[in-house]
Amino acid sequence: MVFQKGGCVYIMSNKYNSVLYTGVTSELISRIWDHKNKTYPNSFTAKYNCTKLVYYCFYPHIEEAIAAEKTIKGSSKEYKRQLVKSMNPDWKNLYDGLLEE
């Protein structure tokens, strides 16, 4: 899956779904790989073991994705949990599905 000019907002979680991290990227697969492999060992996702992709949404323009990320980051944890459940009710790791597309 290759995105062109646009961007994705995504949410990562730990294996217990107790920690949520919201990010934005124009290269979703490589960015999630970085999180899973703790490329940046001092980052929030590495510190809290957020290695599971539980939500993502593509936007045709990166500016839209950045605006959506800010909205999500400013929202409550319950809002984020409901957002994940709307796309991924079982909180499965969606990363492998990206690699198959």
N, C-alpha and C. Protein backbone atom coordinates (compact mmCIF):
# COMPACT_ATOMS: atom_id res chain seq x y z
N MET A 1 0.86 -1.17 0.00
CA MET A 1 0.00 0.00 0.00
C MET A 1 0.90 1.24 0.00
N VAL A 2 0.80 2.04 -1.03
CA VAL A 2 1.59 3.26 -1.12
C VAL A 2 0.64 4.44 -1.23
N PHE A 3 0.80 5.41 -0.35
CA PHE A 3 -0.02 6.61 -0.36
C PHE A 3 0.73 7.70 -1.10
N GLN A 4 0.03 8.49 -1.88
CA GLN A 4 0.67 9.55 -2.63
C GLN A 4 0.15 10.90 -2.18
N LYS A 5 1.06 11.77 -1.75
CA LYS A 5 0.79 13.14 -1.36
C LYS A 5 -0.08 13.30 -0.13
N GLY A 6 -0.79 12.30 0.22
CA GLY A 6 -1.67 12.40 1.38
C GLY A 6 -0.98 11.95 2.64
N GLY A 7 -1.78 11.63 3.62
CA GLY A 7 -1.23 11.18 4.88
C GLY A 7 -2.22 10.35 5.66
N CYS A 8 -1.72 9.72 6.68
CA CYS A 8 -2.55 8.89 7.55
C CYS A 8 -2.42 9.34 8.99
N VAL A 9 -3.55 9.34 9.66
CA VAL A 9 -3.57 9.45 11.10
C VAL A 9 -3.68 8.02 11.60
N TYR A 10 -2.95 7.69 12.65
CA TYR A 10 -2.98 6.33 13.15
C TYR A 10 -2.93 6.32 14.68
N ILE A 11 -3.39 5.22 15.23
CA ILE A 11 -3.32 5.03 16.68
C ILE A 11 -2.62 3.71 16.95
N MET A 12 -1.62 3.79 17.83
CA MET A 12 -0.89 2.61 18.28
C MET A 12 -1.31 2.30 19.71
N SER A 13 -1.21 1.03 20.08
CA SER A 13 -1.52 0.64 21.46
C SER A 13 -0.53 -0.42 21.92
N ASN A 14 -0.54 -0.67 23.22
CA ASN A 14 0.26 -1.77 23.76
C ASN A 14 -0.59 -3.04 23.73
N LYS A 15 -0.03 -4.15 24.15
CA LYS A 15 -0.77 -5.42 24.03
C LYS A 15 -2.00 -5.48 24.93
N TYR A 16 -2.06 -4.64 25.95
CA TYR A 16 -3.21 -4.62 26.86
C TYR A 16 -4.25 -3.57 26.47
N ASN A 17 -3.96 -2.80 25.43
CA ASN A 17 -4.83 -1.71 24.96
C ASN A 17 -5.06 -0.66 26.04
N SER A 18 -4.09 -0.50 26.92
CA SER A 18 -4.23 0.47 28.00
C SER A 18 -3.53 1.80 27.71
N VAL A 19 -2.66 1.82 26.71
CA VAL A 19 -1.95 3.03 26.33
C VAL A 19 -2.25 3.29 24.86
N LEU A 20 -2.57 4.54 24.54
CA LEU A 20 -2.86 4.92 23.15
C LEU A 20 -1.92 6.04 22.72
N TYR A 21 -1.39 5.90 21.50
CA TYR A 21 -0.53 6.92 20.92
C TYR A 21 -1.11 7.30 19.56
N THR A 22 -1.30 8.57 19.31
CA THR A 22 -1.81 9.05 18.03
C THR A 22 -0.70 9.72 17.25
N GLY A 23 -0.57 9.37 15.99
CA GLY A 23 0.46 9.96 15.14
C GLY A 23 -0.06 10.24 13.75
N VAL A 24 0.79 10.88 12.95
CA VAL A 24 0.45 11.19 11.56
C VAL A 24 1.69 10.92 10.72
N THR A 25 1.50 10.42 9.50
CA THR A 25 2.62 10.10 8.63
C THR A 25 2.17 10.05 7.18
N SER A 26 3.10 10.23 6.28
CA SER A 26 2.81 10.04 4.86
C SER A 26 3.30 8.66 4.41
N GLU A 27 3.97 7.94 5.29
CA GLU A 27 4.50 6.60 4.99
C GLU A 27 4.10 5.64 6.10
N LEU A 28 2.85 5.18 6.07
CA LEU A 28 2.30 4.41 7.18
C LEU A 28 3.07 3.13 7.47
N ILE A 29 3.34 2.33 6.46
CA ILE A 29 3.98 1.04 6.69
C ILE A 29 5.35 1.21 7.34
N SER A 30 6.16 2.11 6.80
CA SER A 30 7.50 2.27 7.37
C SER A 30 7.45 2.91 8.76
N ARG A 31 6.49 3.79 8.98
CA ARG A 31 6.38 4.42 10.31
C ARG A 31 5.96 3.40 11.36
N ILE A 32 5.02 2.53 11.02
CA ILE A 32 4.59 1.51 11.97
C ILE A 32 5.73 0.53 12.22
N TRP A 33 6.49 0.21 11.18
CA TRP A 33 7.66 -0.65 11.34
C TRP A 33 8.61 -0.03 12.37
N ASP A 34 8.83 1.28 12.27
CA ASP A 34 9.69 1.98 13.25
C ASP A 34 9.17 1.79 14.67
N HIS A 35 7.85 1.95 14.85
CA HIS A 35 7.27 1.77 16.19
C HIS A 35 7.46 0.33 16.67
N LYS A 36 7.13 -0.63 15.81
CA LYS A 36 7.22 -2.04 16.19
C LYS A 36 8.64 -2.45 16.55
N ASN A 37 9.61 -1.88 15.87
CA ASN A 37 11.00 -2.26 16.06
C ASN A 37 11.77 -1.30 16.97
N LYS A 38 11.04 -0.36 17.55
CA LYS A 38 11.62 0.61 18.50
C LYS A 38 12.87 1.28 17.93
N THR A 39 12.73 1.76 16.70
CA THR A 39 13.82 2.46 16.02
C THR A 39 14.30 3.65 16.85
N TYR A 40 13.35 4.28 17.52
CA TYR A 40 13.68 5.43 18.38
C TYR A 40 13.43 5.00 19.83
N PRO A 41 14.44 4.44 20.49
CA PRO A 41 14.24 3.82 21.81
C PRO A 41 13.79 4.76 22.92
N ASN A 42 13.96 6.06 22.74
CA ASN A 42 13.53 7.01 23.77
C ASN A 42 12.14 7.59 23.50
N SER A 43 11.48 7.11 22.47
CA SER A 43 10.17 7.65 22.10
C SER A 43 9.08 7.13 23.05
N PHE A 44 7.94 7.81 23.02
CA PHE A 44 6.79 7.41 23.83
C PHE A 44 6.38 5.97 23.51
N THR A 45 6.28 5.65 22.22
CA THR A 45 5.81 4.31 21.84
C THR A 45 6.78 3.22 22.29
N ALA A 46 8.08 3.51 22.24
CA ALA A 46 9.05 2.52 22.71
C ALA A 46 8.96 2.36 24.23
N LYS A 47 8.87 3.48 24.93
CA LYS A 47 8.81 3.46 26.39
C LYS A 47 7.60 2.68 26.91
N TYR A 48 6.45 2.84 26.23
CA TYR A 48 5.21 2.20 26.69
C TYR A 48 4.82 0.98 25.86
N ASN A 49 5.75 0.47 25.06
CA ASN A 49 5.54 -0.74 24.25
C ASN A 49 4.32 -0.68 23.36
N CYS A 50 4.11 0.46 22.72
CA CYS A 50 3.01 0.62 21.77
C CYS A 50 3.46 0.11 20.41
N THR A 51 3.23 -1.16 20.18
CA THR A 51 3.70 -1.81 18.95
C THR A 51 2.54 -2.34 18.09
N LYS A 52 1.33 -2.06 18.50
CA LYS A 52 0.15 -2.60 17.81
C LYS A 52 -0.62 -1.47 17.13
N LEU A 53 -0.75 -1.56 15.80
CA LEU A 53 -1.56 -0.59 15.05
C LEU A 53 -3.03 -0.97 15.20
N VAL A 54 -3.82 -0.09 15.80
CA VAL A 54 -5.23 -0.42 16.04
C VAL A 54 -6.20 0.46 15.25
N TYR A 55 -5.68 1.53 14.64
CA TYR A 55 -6.56 2.44 13.87
C TYR A 55 -5.71 3.21 12.88
N TYR A 56 -6.27 3.44 11.69
CA TYR A 56 -5.65 4.38 10.75
C TYR A 56 -6.72 4.92 9.82
N CYS A 57 -6.47 6.11 9.32
CA CYS A 57 -7.39 6.76 8.39
C CYS A 57 -6.57 7.57 7.40
N PHE A 58 -6.78 7.33 6.11
CA PHE A 58 -6.05 8.02 5.06
C PHE A 58 -6.77 9.31 4.68
N TYR A 59 -6.00 10.35 4.44
CA TYR A 59 -6.51 11.64 3.96
C TYR A 59 -5.77 12.01 2.68
N PRO A 60 -6.47 12.57 1.70
CA PRO A 60 -5.82 12.87 0.43
C PRO A 60 -4.74 13.95 0.50
N HIS A 61 -4.80 14.78 1.53
CA HIS A 61 -3.80 15.84 1.70
C HIS A 61 -3.23 15.75 3.11
N ILE A 62 -1.91 15.85 3.22
CA ILE A 62 -1.25 15.72 4.52
C ILE A 62 -1.76 16.76 5.52
N GLU A 63 -2.12 17.93 5.02
CA GLU A 63 -2.63 18.98 5.92
C GLU A 63 -3.91 18.53 6.62
N GLU A 64 -4.75 17.78 5.90
CA GLU A 64 -5.98 17.26 6.50
C GLU A 64 -5.66 16.23 7.58
N ALA A 65 -4.66 15.40 7.30
CA ALA A 65 -4.25 14.38 8.26
C ALA A 65 -3.70 15.05 9.53
N ILE A 66 -2.91 16.09 9.36
CA ILE A 66 -2.35 16.80 10.52
C ILE A 66 -3.46 17.43 11.35
N ALA A 67 -4.44 18.03 10.70
CA ALA A 67 -5.57 18.63 11.42
C ALA A 67 -6.35 17.56 12.18
N ALA A 68 -6.57 16.41 11.55
CA ALA A 68 -7.29 15.32 12.21
C ALA A 68 -6.50 14.78 13.40
N GLU A 69 -5.18 14.67 13.24
CA GLU A 69 -4.34 14.22 14.35
C GLU A 69 -4.48 15.15 15.55
N LYS A 70 -4.45 16.45 15.30
CA LYS A 70 -4.57 17.42 16.39
C LYS A 70 -5.92 17.28 17.10
N THR A 71 -6.97 17.06 16.32
CA THR A 71 -8.29 16.88 16.91
C THR A 71 -8.32 15.63 17.79
N ILE A 72 -7.77 14.53 17.27
CA ILE A 72 -7.77 13.28 18.03
C ILE A 72 -6.92 13.41 19.28
N LYS A 73 -5.73 14.00 19.15
CA LYS A 73 -4.85 14.16 20.31
C LYS A 73 -5.49 15.02 21.39
N GLY A 74 -6.31 15.98 20.99
CA GLY A 74 -6.97 16.84 21.94
C GLY A 74 -8.23 16.26 22.54
N SER A 75 -8.61 15.08 22.09
CA SER A 75 -9.83 14.43 22.55
C SER A 75 -9.55 13.52 23.75
N SER A 76 -10.61 13.10 24.39
CA SER A 76 -10.49 12.23 25.55
C SER A 76 -10.04 10.82 25.15
N LYS A 77 -9.56 10.10 26.12
CA LYS A 77 -9.17 8.70 25.88
C LYS A 77 -10.39 7.89 25.45
N GLU A 78 -11.54 8.19 26.02
CA GLU A 78 -12.77 7.47 25.66
C GLU A 78 -13.13 7.72 24.19
N TYR A 79 -12.97 8.95 23.72
CA TYR A 79 -13.22 9.25 22.31
C TYR A 79 -12.29 8.42 21.42
N LYS A 80 -11.03 8.34 21.80
CA LYS A 80 -10.07 7.57 21.01
C LYS A 80 -10.44 6.09 21.02
N ARG A 81 -10.86 5.58 22.16
CA ARG A 81 -11.27 4.17 22.25
C ARG A 81 -12.47 3.90 21.35
N GLN A 82 -13.42 4.83 21.32
CA GLN A 82 -14.58 4.67 20.45
C GLN A 82 -14.19 4.75 18.97
N LEU A 83 -13.24 5.58 18.65
CA LEU A 83 -12.73 5.70 17.28
C LEU A 83 -12.11 4.37 16.85
N VAL A 84 -11.31 3.79 17.71
CA VAL A 84 -10.70 2.48 17.41
C VAL A 84 -11.80 1.44 17.22
N LYS A 85 -12.74 1.39 18.14
CA LYS A 85 -13.82 0.39 18.06
C LYS A 85 -14.65 0.52 16.79
N SER A 86 -14.78 1.74 16.27
CA SER A 86 -15.58 1.95 15.05
C SER A 86 -14.93 1.29 13.84
N MET A 87 -13.61 1.18 13.83
CA MET A 87 -12.90 0.56 12.71
C MET A 87 -12.45 -0.85 13.04
N ASN A 88 -12.16 -1.09 14.30
CA ASN A 88 -11.48 -2.31 14.71
C ASN A 88 -12.06 -2.78 16.05
N PRO A 89 -13.29 -3.30 16.05
CA PRO A 89 -13.96 -3.64 17.30
C PRO A 89 -13.23 -4.67 18.16
N ASP A 90 -12.41 -5.50 17.55
CA ASP A 90 -11.68 -6.52 18.30
C ASP A 90 -10.26 -6.09 18.69
N TRP A 91 -9.90 -4.87 18.37
CA TRP A 91 -8.59 -4.32 18.69
C TRP A 91 -7.46 -5.21 18.16
N LYS A 92 -7.64 -5.72 16.95
CA LYS A 92 -6.60 -6.54 16.31
C LYS A 92 -5.47 -5.65 15.81
N ASN A 93 -4.31 -6.24 15.63
CA ASN A 93 -3.19 -5.52 15.04
C ASN A 93 -3.43 -5.44 13.54
N LEU A 94 -3.57 -4.23 13.02
CA LEU A 94 -3.91 -4.03 11.61
C LEU A 94 -2.68 -3.98 10.70
N TYR A 95 -1.50 -4.02 11.26
CA TYR A 95 -0.28 -3.86 10.48
C TYR A 95 -0.13 -4.94 9.42
N ASP A 96 -0.33 -6.22 9.78
CA ASP A 96 -0.15 -7.29 8.81
C ASP A 96 -1.11 -7.15 7.63
N GLY A 97 -2.30 -6.65 7.87
CA GLY A 97 -3.26 -6.43 6.78
C GLY A 97 -2.77 -5.38 5.79
N LEU A 98 -2.01 -4.40 6.26
CA LEU A 98 -1.46 -3.39 5.37
C LEU A 98 -0.45 -4.01 4.42
N LEU A 99 0.30 -4.97 4.90
CA LEU A 99 1.32 -5.60 4.09
C LEU A 99 0.73 -6.48 3.00
N GLU A 100 -0.50 -6.93 3.21
CA GLU A 100 -1.16 -7.82 2.23
C GLU A 100 -1.81 -7.05 1.10
N GLU A 101 -2.09 -5.76 1.30
CA GLU A 101 -2.79 -4.98 0.28
C GLU A 101 -1.89 -4.61 -0.86
